[in-house]
Amino acid sequence: MKLNRRLCQIGYSPAKLILHHRMELAKQMLNSDLCSIEEIAYRSGFNGITGFSRKFKQEFSSSPSEYRKKALSEKFEARSWKIPMNENYFNDLIELKKKINGWQKCLLSLLTISITICFL
């Protein structure tokens, strides 16, 4: 079965899947305060902050600035609790990070393949 048909069965077009992936990456960037929202918009493939903000709000029901404010306040609250960290816990966190990075690379490869197939 063609990838296009499978995507349609789950309610996605290739363009919608790519947009969703771009929005997820933007969400990750918003979790830190290293980049301005405007810079995140450009890094996410948008020509400006207006279109980015509109799409972000459609996707996640909050504006990028609202999302960032909430995410950063949750991070601050989480940091206020002191979690005892032993070597095993630390090693488990490192392994989890490796798995997450592996899944991100896998998803990016699948997106690249699906885009290639769509344009063949």
Protein backbone atom coordinates (compact mmCIF):
# COMPACT_ATOMS: atom_id res chain seq x y z
CA MET A 1 0.00 0.00 0.00
CA LYS A 2 1.30 3.42 -0.88
CA LEU A 3 2.45 5.69 1.90
CA ASN A 4 0.07 8.42 0.76
CA ARG A 5 -2.93 6.12 1.21
CA ARG A 6 -1.75 4.96 4.61
CA LEU A 7 -1.30 8.54 5.75
CA CYS A 8 -4.78 9.42 4.49
CA GLN A 9 -6.22 6.48 6.44
CA ILE A 10 -4.90 7.97 9.67
CA GLY A 11 -5.99 11.48 8.69
CA TYR A 12 -2.68 12.91 7.52
CA SER A 13 -1.43 14.15 4.20
CA PRO A 14 2.33 14.35 3.65
CA ALA A 15 2.13 18.14 4.03
CA LYS A 16 0.14 17.85 7.26
CA LEU A 17 2.64 15.32 8.65
CA ILE A 18 5.55 17.62 7.83
CA LEU A 19 3.76 20.60 9.40
CA HIS A 20 3.04 18.56 12.53
CA HIS A 21 6.71 17.58 12.76
CA ARG A 22 7.78 21.23 12.33
CA MET A 23 5.38 22.26 15.09
CA GLU A 24 6.75 19.56 17.42
CA LEU A 25 10.29 20.83 16.79
CA ALA A 26 9.11 24.38 17.49
CA LYS A 27 7.57 23.16 20.73
CA GLN A 28 10.91 21.68 21.77
CA MET A 29 12.68 24.95 21.00
CA LEU A 30 10.06 26.88 22.99
CA ASN A 31 10.86 24.75 26.03
CA SER A 32 14.05 26.75 26.39
CA ASP A 33 14.54 30.47 26.30
CA LEU A 34 17.63 30.32 24.09
CA CYS A 35 15.88 31.60 20.94
CA SER A 36 13.31 34.31 20.41
CA ILE A 37 9.90 33.23 19.17
CA GLU A 38 10.63 35.00 15.89
CA GLU A 39 13.84 32.99 15.45
CA ILE A 40 11.97 29.77 16.26
CA ALA A 41 9.40 30.69 13.60
CA TYR A 42 12.15 31.02 10.97
CA ARG A 43 13.93 27.86 12.14
CA SER A 44 10.61 26.02 11.85
CA GLY A 45 10.32 27.02 8.21
CA PHE A 46 7.91 29.95 8.46
CA ASN A 47 8.42 33.31 6.76
CA GLY A 48 7.30 35.25 9.79
CA ILE A 49 5.94 35.15 13.28
CA THR A 50 2.30 35.77 12.29
CA GLY A 51 1.83 32.60 10.26
CA PHE A 52 3.82 30.59 12.77
CA SER A 53 1.74 31.84 15.70
CA ARG A 54 -1.51 31.12 13.88
CA LYS A 55 -0.50 27.54 12.98
CA PHE A 56 0.94 26.90 16.45
CA LYS A 57 -2.31 28.00 18.09
CA GLN A 58 -4.32 25.78 15.71
CA GLU A 59 -2.11 22.81 16.53
CA PHE A 60 -1.73 23.22 20.31
CA SER A 61 -4.58 25.57 21.38
CA SER A 62 -2.22 28.17 22.82
CA SER A 63 0.03 30.83 21.38
CA PRO A 64 3.80 30.21 21.28
CA SER A 65 4.37 32.79 24.03
CA GLU A 66 1.66 31.24 26.25
CA TYR A 67 3.15 27.78 25.67
CA ARG A 68 6.68 28.98 26.48
CA LYS A 69 5.56 30.76 29.64
CA LYS A 70 3.76 27.64 30.89
CA ALA A 71 6.61 25.28 29.92
CA LEU A 72 9.27 27.41 31.60
CA SER A 73 7.21 27.84 34.77
CA GLU A 74 6.71 24.05 34.94
CA LYS A 75 10.46 23.58 34.51
CA PHE A 76 11.10 26.01 37.33
CA GLU A 77 8.62 24.21 39.59
CA ALA A 78 10.22 20.86 38.77
CA ARG A 79 13.67 22.22 39.60
CA SER A 80 12.50 23.50 42.95
CA TRP A 81 12.08 19.89 44.12
CA LYS A 82 15.35 18.24 44.97
CA ILE A 83 15.48 14.73 43.56
CA PRO A 84 18.14 12.50 45.05
CA MET A 85 20.14 11.23 42.12
CA ASN A 86 22.29 8.17 42.41
CA GLU A 87 24.49 6.70 39.70
CA ASN A 88 21.86 4.19 38.51
CA TYR A 89 19.21 6.87 38.15
CA PHE A 90 21.65 9.09 36.25
CA ASN A 91 22.62 6.22 33.90
CA ASP A 92 18.94 5.46 33.28
CA LEU A 93 18.39 9.08 32.27
CA ILE A 94 21.32 8.94 29.85
CA GLU A 95 19.94 5.75 28.26
CA LEU A 96 16.49 7.30 27.95
CA LYS A 97 17.98 10.34 26.21
CA LYS A 98 19.80 8.06 23.72
CA LYS A 99 16.54 6.23 22.94
CA ILE A 100 14.67 9.50 22.39
CA ASN A 101 17.40 10.77 20.06
CA GLY A 102 17.24 7.48 18.16
CA TRP A 103 13.48 7.80 17.68
CA GLN A 104 13.86 11.39 16.45
CA LYS A 105 16.42 10.28 13.86
CA CYS A 106 14.14 7.42 12.82
CA LEU A 107 11.17 9.77 12.38
CA LEU A 108 13.27 12.19 10.35
CA SER A 109 14.41 9.31 8.09
CA LEU A 110 10.80 8.19 7.61
CA LEU A 111 9.76 11.73 6.73
CA THR A 112 12.58 11.99 4.20
CA ILE A 113 11.58 8.67 2.63
CA SER A 114 7.89 9.63 2.50
CA ILE A 115 8.69 12.98 0.86
CA THR A 116 10.92 11.24 -1.67
CA ILE A 117 8.21 8.68 -2.47
CA CYS A 118 5.58 11.40 -2.84
CA PHE A 119 7.61 13.22 -5.47
CA LEU A 120 8.50 10.11 -7.51
